[in-house]
Amino acid sequence: MPPVITVHDLAKRYGTVVALDGVSFTVDEGEVLALLGPNGAGKTTAVEILEGYRRADRGDIRVLGYDPATGGRQFRDRIGIVLQESGTEQALNVRETIDLYGAPYTRRRPTGELITLVGLEEKADARTKTLSGGQRRRLDLALGLVGDPDLIFLDEPTTGFDPAARRQSWKLVEGLADLGKTILLTTHYLDEAQNLADRIVVLNGGKVVAEGSPETLGDARPVTTVRFSVPDPVDLPSGLGTPELEGSGVTYRTTDPTALLYTLTGWATGRGMELAGLEVIRPSLEDIYLKIVGEEEPG
């Protein structure tokens, strides 16, 4: 089965500013891909080209088999878009807004079902101008789903949500993925990308600088920190590298934590000793991301 999105050698500039410079990636059917990067990395330009709102200067782009720049009504009927900010009619209530936005679609989800899906039952008859920021984002999500799209673009979907609402939205996105929907997500919340994305593409300076799953992004063998305390840190096993010592505390940094722990636990067991406060700390997605964009920061 061909990818839902194929991007090859995508380039776009605005005057002397290079927004995208040879970007290539794919998104498979049913996959949740998170497009990450600092402000100015080219994320918004890339997504707008994929949505058909901007034309590329160069590159081969296929979305659901269409060139998004010329796909027209048939293409737009199969995608859903949740923008960072929407311009809904303030005088309409929630139910009326969903009815209005759903009218052009050939296959649309029932309004009541969408209201329940995004948790706006108590606000169904409230005018949109009275909604809180989080409630407006829920309405935006409902509008992005109204046409029962095969591909959904989620641009910062949980901005303005409190922690509980964010978790509820994650469950909704996970449910859409379980239904086979393909999702391209942009977010500044790295825990959101870690929880939702099957794969991550990091842009910086208009280029792809890293790609992989949340577990494999960045270094193939990331540095893991192993910490513990022992009564006599001088008598440590050899062959493990040079530890950092602070009183009875010992810290190792290693790319092979399994082998290190095997040696350490065998050494401690043989002496009838506990490795007090043993911690194994793998780098978080945030650690890896900051290392990537820091190393790749354009000059």
C-alpha atoms as a PDB file:
ATOM      1  CA  MET A   1       0.000   0.000   0.000  1.00  0.00           C
ATOM      2  CA  PRO A   2       1.487   3.391  -1.008  1.00  0.00           C
ATOM      3  CA  PRO A   3       2.070   6.010   1.701  1.00  0.00           C
ATOM      4  CA  VAL A   4      -0.748   8.466   2.401  1.00  0.00           C
ATOM      5  CA  ILE A   5       1.798  11.311   2.217  1.00  0.00           C
ATOM      6  CA  THR A   6       4.950  11.302   0.116  1.00  0.00           C
ATOM      7  CA  VAL A   7       7.260  14.313   0.160  1.00  0.00           C
ATOM      8  CA  HIS A   8      10.435  14.297  -1.912  1.00  0.00           C
ATOM      9  CA  ASP A   9      12.924  17.162  -2.220  1.00  0.00           C
ATOM     10  CA  LEU A  10      10.404  19.799  -1.127  1.00  0.00           C
ATOM     11  CA  ALA A  11      11.702  23.360  -1.373  1.00  0.00           C
ATOM     12  CA  LYS A  12      10.121  26.745  -0.716  1.00  0.00           C
ATOM     13  CA  ARG A  13      11.560  30.210  -0.291  1.00  0.00           C
ATOM     14  CA  TYR A  14      10.106  33.644   0.402  1.00  0.00           C
ATOM     15  CA  GLY A  15      12.384  36.141  -1.284  1.00  0.00           C
ATOM     16  CA  THR A  16      15.809  35.565   0.229  1.00  0.00           C
ATOM     17  CA  VAL A  17      14.450  33.450   3.107  1.00  0.00           C
ATOM     18  CA  VAL A  18      14.697  29.684   2.568  1.00  0.00           C
ATOM     19  CA  ALA A  19      11.758  28.079   4.390  1.00  0.00           C
ATOM     20  CA  LEU A  20      12.252  24.516   3.105  1.00  0.00           C
ATOM     21  CA  ASP A  21      15.381  23.114   1.521  1.00  0.00           C
ATOM     22  CA  GLY A  22      15.096  19.591   0.130  1.00  0.00           C
ATOM     23  CA  VAL A  23      12.691  18.073   2.686  1.00  0.00           C
ATOM     24  CA  SER A  24      11.701  14.423   2.195  1.00  0.00           C
ATOM     25  CA  PHE A  25       9.541  12.112   4.325  1.00  0.00           C
ATOM     26  CA  THR A  26       6.535   9.788   4.111  1.00  0.00           C
ATOM     27  CA  VAL A  27       3.483   9.039   6.255  1.00  0.00           C
ATOM     28  CA  ASP A  28       1.910   5.592   6.062  1.00  0.00           C
ATOM     29  CA  GLU A  29      -1.783   4.775   6.301  1.00  0.00           C
ATOM     30  CA  GLY A  30      -2.962   4.691   9.911  1.00  0.00           C
ATOM     31  CA  GLU A  31       0.238   6.288  11.184  1.00  0.00           C
ATOM     32  CA  VAL A  32       0.492   9.239  13.559  1.00  0.00           C
ATOM     33  CA  LEU A  33       3.478  11.341  12.522  1.00  0.00           C
ATOM     34  CA  ALA A  34       4.616  14.284  14.630  1.00  0.00           C
ATOM     35  CA  LEU A  35       6.387  17.092  12.787  1.00  0.00           C
ATOM     36  CA  LEU A  36       8.571  18.900  15.315  1.00  0.00           C
ATOM     37  CA  GLY A  37      10.955  21.820  15.169  1.00  0.00           C
ATOM     38  CA  PRO A  38      11.652  25.252  16.662  1.00  0.00           C
ATOM     39  CA  ASN A  39       9.880  28.376  15.451  1.00  0.00           C
ATOM     40  CA  GLY A  40      11.021  29.183  11.931  1.00  0.00           C
ATOM     41  CA  ALA A  41      12.023  25.597  11.161  1.00  0.00           C
ATOM     42  CA  GLY A  42       9.601  25.313   8.229  1.00  0.00           C
ATOM     43  CA  LYS A  43       6.838  23.235   9.839  1.00  0.00           C
ATOM     44  CA  THR A  44       3.974  25.603   9.014  1.00  0.00           C
ATOM     45  CA  THR A  45       5.105  26.050   5.407  1.00  0.00           C
ATOM     46  CA  ALA A  46       5.417  22.277   4.929  1.00  0.00           C
ATOM     47  CA  VAL A  47       1.962  21.615   6.367  1.00  0.00           C
ATOM     48  CA  GLU A  48       0.330  24.393   4.320  1.00  0.00           C
ATOM     49  CA  ILE A  49       1.813  22.901   1.140  1.00  0.00           C
ATOM     50  CA  LEU A  50       0.503  19.458   2.094  1.00  0.00           C
ATOM     51  CA  GLU A  51      -2.937  20.956   2.754  1.00  0.00           C
ATOM     52  CA  GLY A  52      -2.914  22.668  -0.646  1.00  0.00           C
ATOM     53  CA  TYR A  53      -2.822  26.246   0.653  1.00  0.00           C
ATOM     54  CA  ARG A  54       0.666  27.014  -0.664  1.00  0.00           C
ATOM     55  CA  ARG A  55       2.564  25.893  -3.737  1.00  0.00           C
ATOM     56  CA  ALA A  56       6.023  24.415  -3.535  1.00  0.00           C
ATOM     57  CA  ASP A  57       8.888  25.895  -5.530  1.00  0.00           C
ATOM     58  CA  ARG A  58      10.280  22.407  -6.084  1.00  0.00           C
ATOM     59  CA  GLY A  59       9.571  18.822  -5.138  1.00  0.00           C
ATOM     60  CA  ASP A  60       7.250  15.899  -5.655  1.00  0.00           C
ATOM     61  CA  ILE A  61       4.329  15.922  -3.204  1.00  0.00           C
ATOM     62  CA  ARG A  62       1.505  13.398  -3.106  1.00  0.00           C
ATOM     63  CA  VAL A  63      -1.233  13.402  -0.487  1.00  0.00           C
ATOM     64  CA  LEU A  64      -3.840  10.627  -0.729  1.00  0.00           C
ATOM     65  CA  GLY A  65      -2.628  10.198  -4.300  1.00  0.00           C
ATOM     66  CA  TYR A  66      -3.267  13.856  -5.208  1.00  0.00           C
ATOM     67  CA  ASP A  67      -1.057  16.817  -5.883  1.00  0.00           C
ATOM     68  CA  PRO A  68      -2.513  18.978  -3.088  1.00  0.00           C
ATOM     69  CA  ALA A  69      -2.048  22.148  -5.165  1.00  0.00           C
ATOM     70  CA  THR A  70      -4.443  20.867  -7.849  1.00  0.00           C
ATOM     71  CA  GLY A  71      -6.473  18.190  -6.044  1.00  0.00           C
ATOM     72  CA  GLY A  72      -9.576  20.339  -5.760  1.00  0.00           C
ATOM     73  CA  ARG A  73     -12.868  19.258  -4.198  1.00  0.00           C
ATOM     74  CA  GLN A  74     -12.169  15.513  -4.238  1.00  0.00           C
ATOM     75  CA  PHE A  75      -8.925  16.022  -2.334  1.00  0.00           C
ATOM     76  CA  ARG A  76     -10.380  18.421   0.242  1.00  0.00           C
ATOM     77  CA  ASP A  77     -13.304  16.076   0.848  1.00  0.00           C
ATOM     78  CA  ARG A  78     -10.877  13.521   2.304  1.00  0.00           C
ATOM     79  CA  ILE A  79      -8.815  15.700   4.642  1.00  0.00           C
ATOM     80  CA  GLY A  80      -9.565  17.352   7.958  1.00  0.00           C
ATOM     81  CA  ILE A  81      -7.671  20.347   9.313  1.00  0.00           C
ATOM     82  CA  VAL A  82      -7.429  21.654  12.877  1.00  0.00           C
ATOM     83  CA  LEU A  83      -5.652  25.005  12.717  1.00  0.00           C
ATOM     84  CA  GLN A  84      -3.886  26.802  15.564  1.00  0.00           C
ATOM     85  CA  GLU A  85      -6.561  29.500  15.352  1.00  0.00           C
ATOM     86  CA  SER A  86      -9.951  29.396  13.696  1.00  0.00           C
ATOM     87  CA  GLY A  87     -12.348  32.129  12.620  1.00  0.00           C
ATOM     88  CA  THR A  88     -15.720  30.618  13.457  1.00  0.00           C
ATOM     89  CA  GLU A  89     -18.852  32.752  13.345  1.00  0.00           C
ATOM     90  CA  GLN A  90     -19.240  34.123  16.875  1.00  0.00           C
ATOM     91  CA  ALA A  91     -23.021  34.503  16.735  1.00  0.00           C
ATOM     92  CA  LEU A  92     -23.676  30.813  15.995  1.00  0.00           C
ATOM     93  CA  ASN A  93     -23.888  28.205  18.703  1.00  0.00           C
ATOM     94  CA  VAL A  94     -21.775  25.050  18.759  1.00  0.00           C
ATOM     95  CA  ARG A  95     -24.396  22.868  17.076  1.00  0.00           C
ATOM     96  CA  GLU A  96     -25.049  25.417  14.323  1.00  0.00           C
ATOM     97  CA  THR A  97     -21.321  25.890  13.691  1.00  0.00           C
ATOM     98  CA  ILE A  98     -20.754  22.175  13.162  1.00  0.00           C
ATOM     99  CA  ASP A  99     -23.811  21.982  10.883  1.00  0.00           C
ATOM    100  CA  LEU A 100     -22.513  24.904   8.813  1.00  0.00           C
ATOM    101  CA  TYR A 101     -18.979  23.557   8.422  1.00  0.00           C
ATOM    102  CA  GLY A 102     -20.220  20.064   7.681  1.00  0.00           C
ATOM    103  CA  ALA A 103     -22.572  21.051   4.883  1.00  0.00           C
ATOM    104  CA  PRO A 104     -20.063  20.851   1.976  1.00  0.00           C
ATOM    105  CA  TYR A 105     -18.831  17.317   2.778  1.00  0.00           C
ATOM    106  CA  THR A 106     -20.140  14.292   0.928  1.00  0.00           C
ATOM    107  CA  ARG A 107     -19.678  12.019   3.945  1.00  0.00           C
ATOM    108  CA  ARG A 108     -20.103  13.812   7.206  1.00  0.00           C
ATOM    109  CA  ARG A 109     -20.318  12.665  10.780  1.00  0.00           C
ATOM    110  CA  PRO A 110     -23.515  13.473  12.718  1.00  0.00           C
ATOM    111  CA  THR A 111     -23.354  16.719  14.686  1.00  0.00           C
ATOM    112  CA  GLY A 112     -24.502  15.149  17.942  1.00  0.00           C
ATOM    113  CA  GLU A 113     -21.883  12.425  17.662  1.00  0.00           C
ATOM    114  CA  LEU A 114     -19.127  15.001  17.203  1.00  0.00           C
ATOM    115  CA  ILE A 115     -20.323  17.104  20.138  1.00  0.00           C
ATOM    116  CA  THR A 116     -20.152  14.029  22.359  1.00  0.00           C
ATOM    117  CA  LEU A 117     -16.824  12.971  20.917  1.00  0.00           C
ATOM    118  CA  VAL A 118     -15.118  16.252  21.873  1.00  0.00           C
ATOM    119  CA  GLY A 119     -16.935  16.651  25.188  1.00  0.00           C
ATOM    120  CA  LEU A 120     -19.070  19.720  24.442  1.00  0.00           C
ATOM    121  CA  GLU A 121     -22.495  18.303  25.353  1.00  0.00           C
ATOM    122  CA  GLU A 122     -23.121  20.985  27.962  1.00  0.00           C
ATOM    123  CA  LYS A 123     -22.156  23.734  25.485  1.00  0.00           C
ATOM    124  CA  ALA A 124     -24.041  22.456  22.437  1.00  0.00           C
ATOM    125  CA  ASP A 125     -26.420  25.434  22.436  1.00  0.00           C
ATOM    126  CA  ALA A 126     -23.922  28.044  23.657  1.00  0.00           C
ATOM    127  CA  ARG A 127     -22.703  30.716  21.259  1.00  0.00           C
ATOM    128  CA  THR A 128     -19.101  30.205  20.250  1.00  0.00           C
ATOM    129  CA  LYS A 129     -18.106  33.640  21.548  1.00  0.00           C
ATOM    130  CA  THR A 130     -18.915  32.457  25.090  1.00  0.00           C
ATOM    131  CA  LEU A 131     -16.615  29.416  24.958  1.00  0.00           C
ATOM    132  CA  SER A 132     -13.370  29.270  26.896  1.00  0.00           C
ATOM    133  CA  GLY A 133     -10.070  28.798  25.052  1.00  0.00           C
ATOM    134  CA  GLY A 134     -10.043  25.078  25.726  1.00  0.00           C
ATOM    135  CA  GLN A 135     -13.666  24.709  24.651  1.00  0.00           C
ATOM    136  CA  ARG A 136     -12.949  26.547  21.398  1.00  0.00           C
ATOM    137  CA  ARG A 137     -10.106  24.104  20.692  1.00  0.00           C
ATOM    138  CA  ARG A 138     -12.539  21.238  21.231  1.00  0.00           C
ATOM    139  CA  LEU A 139     -14.889  22.835  18.730  1.00  0.00           C
ATOM    140  CA  ASP A 140     -11.970  23.247  16.304  1.00  0.00           C
ATOM    141  CA  LEU A 141     -11.292  19.529  16.656  1.00  0.00           C
ATOM    142  CA  ALA A 142     -14.943  18.718  15.936  1.00  0.00           C
ATOM    143  CA  LEU A 143     -14.814  20.874  12.795  1.00  0.00           C
ATOM    144  CA  GLY A 144     -11.693  19.051  11.641  1.00  0.00           C
ATOM    145  CA  LEU A 145     -13.499  15.722  11.975  1.00  0.00           C
ATOM    146  CA  VAL A 146     -16.868  16.730  10.544  1.00  0.00           C
ATOM    147  CA  GLY A 147     -16.154  15.319   7.069  1.00  0.00           C
ATOM    148  CA  ASP A 148     -14.990  11.923   8.427  1.00  0.00           C
ATOM    149  CA  PRO A 149     -11.559  12.486   6.829  1.00  0.00           C
ATOM    150  CA  ASP A 150      -9.020   9.816   5.923  1.00  0.00           C
ATOM    151  CA  LEU A 151      -6.166  12.206   6.769  1.00  0.00           C
ATOM    152  CA  ILE A 152      -6.212  14.695   9.625  1.00  0.00           C
ATOM    153  CA  PHE A 153      -3.843  17.628  10.087  1.00  0.00           C
ATOM    154  CA  LEU A 154      -3.616  18.611  13.750  1.00  0.00           C
ATOM    155  CA  ASP A 155      -1.763  21.895  14.241  1.00  0.00           C
ATOM    156  CA  GLU A 156      -1.066  22.427  17.954  1.00  0.00           C
ATOM    157  CA  PRO A 157      -4.386  20.727  18.793  1.00  0.00           C
ATOM    158  CA  THR A 158      -4.251  21.054  22.599  1.00  0.00           C
ATOM    159  CA  THR A 159      -3.017  24.642  22.940  1.00  0.00           C
ATOM    160  CA  GLY A 160      -4.955  26.245  25.791  1.00  0.00           C
ATOM    161  CA  PHE A 161      -6.092  22.934  27.286  1.00  0.00           C
ATOM    162  CA  ASP A 162      -5.652  22.195  30.971  1.00  0.00           C
ATOM    163  CA  PRO A 163      -3.829  18.917  31.781  1.00  0.00           C
ATOM    164  CA  ALA A 164      -7.050  16.914  32.158  1.00  0.00           C
ATOM    165  CA  ALA A 165      -8.449  18.180  28.849  1.00  0.00           C
ATOM    166  CA  ARG A 166      -5.151  17.432  27.109  1.00  0.00           C
ATOM    167  CA  ARG A 167      -5.276  13.828  28.309  1.00  0.00           C
ATOM    168  CA  GLN A 168      -8.853  13.499  27.085  1.00  0.00           C
ATOM    169  CA  SER A 169      -7.811  14.856  23.692  1.00  0.00           C
ATOM    170  CA  TRP A 170      -4.955  12.359  23.530  1.00  0.00           C
ATOM    171  CA  LYS A 171      -7.460   9.566  24.023  1.00  0.00           C
ATOM    172  CA  LEU A 172      -9.539  10.990  21.172  1.00  0.00           C
ATOM    173  CA  VAL A 173      -6.536  11.101  18.856  1.00  0.00           C
ATOM    174  CA  GLU A 174      -5.576   7.567  19.861  1.00  0.00           C
ATOM    175  CA  GLY A 175      -9.138   6.483  19.084  1.00  0.00           C
ATOM    176  CA  LEU A 176      -8.947   8.053  15.628  1.00  0.00           C
ATOM    177  CA  ALA A 177      -5.672   6.244  14.979  1.00  0.00           C
ATOM    178  CA  ASP A 178      -7.280   2.975  16.102  1.00  0.00           C
ATOM    179  CA  LEU A 179      -9.968   3.573  13.456  1.00  0.00           C
ATOM    180  CA  GLY A 180      -7.247   3.707  10.789  1.00  0.00           C
ATOM    181  CA  LYS A 181      -7.144   7.476  10.370  1.00  0.00           C
ATOM    182  CA  THR A 182      -3.803   8.916   9.324  1.00  0.00           C
ATOM    183  CA  ILE A 183      -2.691  11.904  11.397  1.00  0.00           C
ATOM    184  CA  LEU A 184      -0.005  14.525  10.875  1.00  0.00           C
ATOM    185  CA  LEU A 185       0.536  16.350  14.144  1.00  0.00           C
ATOM    186  CA  THR A 186       2.507  19.491  14.912  1.00  0.00           C
ATOM    187  CA  THR A 187       3.031  20.306  18.571  1.00  0.00           C
ATOM    188  CA  HIS A 188       5.380  22.084  20.945  1.00  0.00           C
ATOM    189  CA  TYR A 189       4.445  19.648  23.737  1.00  0.00           C
ATOM    190  CA  LEU A 190       7.069  16.914  23.556  1.00  0.00           C
ATOM    191  CA  ASP A 191       5.140  14.691  25.969  1.00  0.00           C
ATOM    192  CA  GLU A 192       2.262  14.910  23.495  1.00  0.00           C
ATOM    193  CA  ALA A 193       4.500  13.730  20.663  1.00  0.00           C
ATOM    194  CA  GLN A 194       5.930  10.979  22.867  1.00  0.00           C
ATOM    195  CA  ASN A 195       2.457   9.701  23.780  1.00  0.00           C
ATOM    196  CA  LEU A 196       0.740  10.015  20.401  1.00  0.00           C
ATOM    197  CA  ALA A 197       3.286   9.672  17.618  1.00  0.00           C
ATOM    198  CA  ASP A 198       4.332   6.441  15.946  1.00  0.00           C
ATOM    199  CA  ARG A 199       7.137   8.370  14.284  1.00  0.00           C
ATOM    200  CA  ILE A 200       8.718  11.819  14.557  1.00  0.00           C
ATOM    201  CA  VAL A 201      10.316  14.045  11.926  1.00  0.00           C
ATOM    202  CA  VAL A 202      12.350  16.998  13.225  1.00  0.00           C
ATOM    203  CA  LEU A 203      12.802  20.057  10.998  1.00  0.00           C
ATOM    204  CA  ASN A 204      15.347  22.773  11.611  1.00  0.00           C
ATOM    205  CA  GLY A 205      16.537  25.435   9.217  1.00  0.00           C
ATOM    206  CA  GLY A 206      14.232  24.079   6.505  1.00  0.00           C
ATOM    207  CA  LYS A 207      15.811  20.613   6.558  1.00  0.00           C
ATOM    208  CA  VAL A 208      15.001  17.238   8.102  1.00  0.00           C
ATOM    209  CA  VAL A 209      17.604  16.841  10.853  1.00  0.00           C
ATOM    210  CA  ALA A 210      16.263  13.686  12.561  1.00  0.00           C
ATOM    211  CA  GLU A 211      13.644  11.016  12.016  1.00  0.00           C
ATOM    212  CA  GLY A 212      12.548   7.976  13.989  1.00  0.00           C
ATOM    213  CA  SER A 213      10.160   6.647  16.593  1.00  0.00           C
ATOM    214  CA  PRO A 214       9.992   8.407  19.985  1.00  0.00           C
ATOM    215  CA  GLU A 215      12.209   5.585  21.303  1.00  0.00           C
ATOM    216  CA  THR A 216      14.817   5.653  18.522  1.00  0.00           C
ATOM    217  CA  LEU A 217      14.977   9.337  17.600  1.00  0.00           C
ATOM    218  CA  GLY A 218      18.450  10.827  17.625  1.00  0.00           C
ATOM    219  CA  ASP A 219      21.436   8.730  18.612  1.00  0.00           C
ATOM    220  CA  ALA A 220      21.187   5.035  17.820  1.00  0.00           C
ATOM    221  CA  ARG A 221      22.754   4.421  21.258  1.00  0.00           C
ATOM    222  CA  PRO A 222      21.788   7.295  23.555  1.00  0.00           C
ATOM    223  CA  VAL A 223      23.703   7.904  26.747  1.00  0.00           C
ATOM    224  CA  THR A 224      22.016   6.399  29.820  1.00  0.00           C
ATOM    225  CA  THR A 225      22.789   7.579  33.357  1.00  0.00           C
ATOM    226  CA  VAL A 226      23.164   4.941  36.097  1.00  0.00           C
ATOM    227  CA  ARG A 227      23.309   6.224  39.691  1.00  0.00           C
ATOM    228  CA  PHE A 228      23.628   4.456  43.048  1.00  0.00           C
ATOM    229  CA  SER A 229      25.389   4.655  46.407  1.00  0.00           C
ATOM    230  CA  VAL A 230      27.796   2.150  48.031  1.00  0.00           C
ATOM    231  CA  PRO A 231      29.782   2.289  51.283  1.00  0.00           C
ATOM    232  CA  ASP A 232      33.154   2.176  49.520  1.00  0.00           C
ATOM    233  CA  PRO A 233      33.003   3.640  45.993  1.00  0.00           C
ATOM    234  CA  VAL A 234      36.752   3.170  45.580  1.00  0.00           C
ATOM    235  CA  ASP A 235      36.386  -0.616  45.300  1.00  0.00           C
ATOM    236  CA  LEU A 236      34.315  -0.570  42.084  1.00  0.00           C
ATOM    237  CA  PRO A 237      34.584  -3.190  39.329  1.00  0.00           C
ATOM    238  CA  SER A 238      37.045  -2.455  36.557  1.00  0.00           C
ATOM    239  CA  GLY A 239      36.255  -2.156  32.872  1.00  0.00           C
ATOM    240  CA  LEU A 240      33.189   0.064  33.246  1.00  0.00           C
ATOM    241  CA  GLY A 241      34.799   3.376  32.461  1.00  0.00           C
ATOM    242  CA  THR A 242      35.474   6.216  34.863  1.00  0.00           C
ATOM    243  CA  PRO A 243      32.554   6.991  37.186  1.00  0.00           C
ATOM    244  CA  GLU A 244      31.650  10.341  38.687  1.00  0.00           C
ATOM    245  CA  LEU A 245      32.058  10.161  42.478  1.00  0.00           C
ATOM    246  CA  GLU A 246      30.464  12.377  45.131  1.00  0.00           C
ATOM    247  CA  GLY A 247      30.807  11.007  48.647  1.00  0.00           C
ATOM    248  CA  SER A 248      29.247   7.540  48.549  1.00  0.00           C
ATOM    249  CA  GLY A 249      27.358   8.395  45.356  1.00  0.00           C
ATOM    250  CA  VAL A 250      28.436   6.891  42.042  1.00  0.00           C
ATOM    251  CA  THR A 251      27.310   7.943  38.561  1.00  0.00           C
ATOM    252  CA  TYR A 252      28.084   6.136  35.313  1.00  0.00           C
ATOM    253  CA  ARG A 253      27.161   7.391  31.872  1.00  0.00           C
ATOM    254  CA  THR A 254      27.007   4.641  29.271  1.00  0.00           C
ATOM    255  CA  THR A 255      25.621   3.677  25.872  1.00  0.00           C
ATOM    256  CA  ASP A 256      25.422   0.035  26.988  1.00  0.00           C
ATOM    257  CA  PRO A 257      23.411   0.049  30.232  1.00  0.00           C
ATOM    258  CA  THR A 258      22.505  -3.650  30.086  1.00  0.00           C
ATOM    259  CA  ALA A 259      26.128  -4.782  30.163  1.00  0.00           C
ATOM    260  CA  LEU A 260      27.021  -2.217  32.817  1.00  0.00           C
ATOM    261  CA  LEU A 261      24.153  -3.263  35.084  1.00  0.00           C
ATOM    262  CA  TYR A 262      24.978  -6.953  34.602  1.00  0.00           C
ATOM    263  CA  THR A 263      28.535  -6.341  35.820  1.00  0.00           C
ATOM    264  CA  LEU A 264      27.497  -4.028  38.650  1.00  0.00           C
ATOM    265  CA  THR A 265      24.756  -6.267  40.057  1.00  0.00           C
ATOM    266  CA  GLY A 266      27.015  -9.323  39.890  1.00  0.00           C
ATOM    267  CA  TRP A 267      29.754  -7.403  41.681  1.00  0.00           C
ATOM    268  CA  ALA A 268      27.347  -6.178  44.391  1.00  0.00           C
ATOM    269  CA  THR A 269      25.693  -9.577  44.881  1.00  0.00           C
ATOM    270  CA  GLY A 270      29.088 -11.239  45.286  1.00  0.00           C
ATOM    271  CA  ARG A 271      29.818  -8.866  48.164  1.00  0.00           C
ATOM    272  CA  GLY A 272      26.385  -9.100  49.750  1.00  0.00           C
ATOM    273  CA  MET A 273      25.926  -5.388  49.029  1.00  0.00           C
ATOM    274  CA  GLU A 274      22.972  -3.277  47.937  1.00  0.00           C
ATOM    275  CA  LEU A 275      23.283  -0.643  45.237  1.00  0.00           C
ATOM    276  CA  ALA A 276      21.331   1.870  47.326  1.00  0.00           C
ATOM    277  CA  GLY A 277      19.053   4.243  45.446  1.00  0.00           C
ATOM    278  CA  LEU A 278      19.813   2.589  42.103  1.00  0.00           C
ATOM    279  CA  GLU A 279      18.489   4.711  39.219  1.00  0.00           C
ATOM    280  CA  VAL A 280      18.629   4.040  35.489  1.00  0.00           C
ATOM    281  CA  ILE A 281      17.789   7.260  33.653  1.00  0.00           C
ATOM    282  CA  ARG A 282      17.350   7.169  29.920  1.00  0.00           C
ATOM    283  CA  PRO A 283      17.210  10.499  28.085  1.00  0.00           C
ATOM    284  CA  SER A 284      13.683  11.800  27.569  1.00  0.00           C
ATOM    285  CA  LEU A 285      12.337  12.840  24.193  1.00  0.00           C
ATOM    286  CA  GLU A 286      12.803  16.444  25.349  1.00  0.00           C
ATOM    287  CA  ASP A 287      16.489  15.794  26.111  1.00  0.00           C
ATOM    288  CA  ILE A 288      17.010  14.219  22.701  1.00  0.00           C
ATOM    289  CA  TYR A 289      15.048  16.913  20.864  1.00  0.00           C
ATOM    290  CA  LEU A 290      16.935  19.768  22.512  1.00  0.00           C
ATOM    291  CA  LYS A 291      20.225  18.077  21.700  1.00  0.00           C
ATOM    292  CA  ILE A 292      19.190  17.688  18.041  1.00  0.00           C
ATOM    293  CA  VAL A 293      17.974  21.242  17.472  1.00  0.00           C
ATOM    294  CA  GLY A 294      20.873  22.644  19.506  1.00  0.00           C
ATOM    295  CA  GLU A 295      23.426  20.778  17.435  1.00  0.00           C
ATOM    296  CA  GLU A 296      21.670  21.611  14.192  1.00  0.00           C
ATOM    297  CA  GLU A 297      20.870  25.258  14.930  1.00  0.00           C
ATOM    298  CA  PRO A 298      21.530  27.161  11.706  1.00  0.00           C
ATOM    299  CA  GLY A 299      24.255  29.779  11.856  1.00  0.00           C
END
